[in-house]
Amino acid sequence: MQQDTERQIIELLGEALGDPNRVSYMLPQRWSPKKGAHVTVQSDGTPVVSRGWTRETIRVSVYGEQKQQVGSIMRHIDSYMLSPRRVHFLSVKPGAGVMVVPDSKVGGFVASATYGVAKPRLMH
């Protein structure tokens, strides 16, 4: 059975950032950049599947009011996700590098990066 990688990354990043309420699958309703930075975690699919493993592409995005703010948070997340010294259960490899751009939908800026996450399948 494939595990819920998005949920596991959301929980890890909530702990890493010290505020689990700032990390979710999507932006909260009525969120605006003035309410402070928010992080979303979404699956971009499972391109590699084997009998015992899945490798899923995960996109992490940081939304906020200022370019420097979202860039700084994204760099913190990037180092956390890729650090071999972190004790988490995931095998994480970098995907597309960190990108920071203006957000044309809600205003402010968005920083984003993707990661390849490999995990063992659970057998029931």
Protein backbone atom coordinates (compact mmCIF):
# COMPACT_ATOMS: atom_id res chain seq x y z
CA MET A 1 0.00 0.00 0.00
CA GLN A 2 1.31 3.43 -0.91
CA GLN A 3 1.75 5.74 2.08
CA ASP A 4 0.44 9.32 2.32
CA THR A 5 3.67 11.16 1.57
CA GLU A 6 2.01 14.59 1.48
CA ARG A 7 0.65 14.19 5.03
CA GLN A 8 4.03 12.99 6.33
CA ILE A 9 5.87 15.95 4.76
CA ILE A 10 3.26 18.38 6.12
CA GLU A 11 3.81 17.02 9.63
CA LEU A 12 7.61 17.13 9.30
CA LEU A 13 7.63 20.70 7.99
CA GLY A 14 5.16 21.83 10.66
CA GLU A 15 7.65 20.60 13.28
CA ALA A 16 10.65 22.05 11.43
CA LEU A 17 9.02 25.49 11.19
CA GLY A 18 7.68 25.37 14.75
CA ASP A 19 4.07 25.97 13.66
CA PRO A 20 2.00 23.09 12.24
CA ASN A 21 -0.83 25.51 11.35
CA ARG A 22 1.37 27.20 8.72
CA VAL A 23 1.66 24.02 6.59
CA SER A 24 -1.18 22.33 4.66
CA TYR A 25 -2.23 20.75 1.35
CA MET A 26 -3.51 24.07 0.02
CA LEU A 27 -3.84 27.69 1.05
CA PRO A 28 -6.56 28.28 3.66
CA GLN A 29 -9.74 29.97 2.47
CA ARG A 30 -9.51 33.76 2.59
CA TRP A 31 -5.74 33.59 3.12
CA SER A 32 -3.83 36.68 2.00
CA PRO A 33 -0.11 37.52 2.12
CA LYS A 34 -0.84 40.02 4.92
CA LYS A 35 -1.80 37.07 7.19
CA GLY A 36 1.78 35.77 7.20
CA ALA A 37 3.65 33.11 5.28
CA HIS A 38 2.00 29.78 4.53
CA VAL A 39 3.50 26.54 3.16
CA THR A 40 1.70 24.06 0.90
CA VAL A 41 2.75 20.49 0.09
CA GLN A 42 1.34 18.73 -2.98
CA SER A 43 2.07 15.54 -4.86
CA ASP A 44 3.06 15.89 -8.50
CA GLY A 45 2.60 12.17 -9.09
CA THR A 46 4.31 8.82 -8.63
CA PRO A 47 6.60 8.43 -11.64
CA VAL A 48 8.51 5.39 -10.32
CA VAL A 49 6.87 2.40 -8.67
CA SER A 50 8.41 -0.96 -7.88
CA ARG A 51 7.16 -3.88 -5.90
CA GLY A 52 8.59 -2.62 -2.60
CA TRP A 53 9.17 1.11 -3.20
CA THR A 54 7.49 4.23 -4.53
CA ARG A 55 9.26 7.41 -5.62
CA GLU A 56 6.90 10.35 -5.57
CA THR A 57 7.51 13.92 -6.73
CA ILE A 58 6.49 16.38 -4.01
CA ARG A 59 6.15 20.13 -4.60
CA VAL A 60 6.64 22.44 -1.62
CA SER A 61 5.58 26.08 -2.00
CA VAL A 62 5.88 29.04 0.37
CA TYR A 63 3.46 31.96 -0.03
CA GLY A 64 4.01 35.33 1.61
CA GLU A 65 4.08 39.07 1.31
CA GLN A 66 7.76 39.69 0.58
CA LYS A 67 10.24 38.01 -1.75
CA GLN A 68 12.98 37.84 0.88
CA GLN A 69 10.56 36.31 3.42
CA VAL A 70 9.40 33.43 1.20
CA GLY A 71 12.91 32.84 -0.14
CA SER A 72 14.34 32.58 3.37
CA ILE A 73 11.66 30.13 4.53
CA MET A 74 12.08 28.04 1.37
CA ARG A 75 15.87 27.84 1.86
CA HIS A 76 15.27 26.65 5.44
CA ILE A 77 12.84 23.99 4.17
CA ASP A 78 15.24 22.98 1.39
CA SER A 79 18.13 22.46 3.80
CA TYR A 80 15.85 20.54 6.18
CA MET A 81 14.52 18.25 3.44
CA LEU A 82 17.95 17.49 1.97
CA SER A 83 20.07 17.30 5.12
CA PRO A 84 21.48 13.81 5.67
CA ARG A 85 21.68 14.57 9.39
CA ARG A 86 17.91 14.89 9.79
CA VAL A 87 16.34 11.87 11.38
CA HIS A 88 13.30 11.24 9.24
CA PHE A 89 12.17 8.11 7.48
CA LEU A 90 12.28 9.43 3.93
CA SER A 91 14.86 9.17 1.18
CA VAL A 92 14.74 12.66 -0.36
CA LYS A 93 16.51 13.84 -3.50
CA PRO A 94 16.37 17.34 -4.99
CA GLY A 95 14.15 17.97 -7.99
CA ALA A 96 13.81 21.38 -9.61
CA GLY A 97 15.74 24.01 -7.67
CA VAL A 98 14.22 26.77 -5.56
CA MET A 99 12.34 29.36 -7.56
CA VAL A 100 10.88 32.65 -6.21
CA VAL A 101 8.35 34.56 -8.33
CA PRO A 102 5.53 37.08 -7.88
CA ASP A 103 2.16 35.42 -7.21
CA SER A 104 -0.34 36.77 -9.72
CA LYS A 105 -3.36 35.06 -8.09
CA VAL A 106 -3.28 36.20 -4.45
CA GLY A 107 -0.51 38.81 -4.52
CA GLY A 108 2.81 38.71 -2.75
CA PHE A 109 5.38 36.10 -3.73
CA VAL A 110 5.69 32.34 -3.95
CA ALA A 111 8.83 30.22 -3.58
CA SER A 112 8.70 26.64 -4.75
CA ALA A 113 10.85 23.52 -5.11
CA THR A 114 10.27 19.85 -5.91
CA TYR A 115 11.73 16.74 -4.30
CA GLY A 116 11.83 13.07 -5.21
CA VAL A 117 10.74 11.12 -2.13
CA ALA A 118 11.29 7.35 -2.00
CA LYS A 119 9.55 5.23 0.59
CA PRO A 120 8.91 1.56 1.16
CA ARG A 121 5.42 0.28 0.46
CA LEU A 122 3.52 -1.02 3.46
CA MET A 123 2.21 -4.55 3.32
CA HIS A 124 -0.97 -5.49 5.19
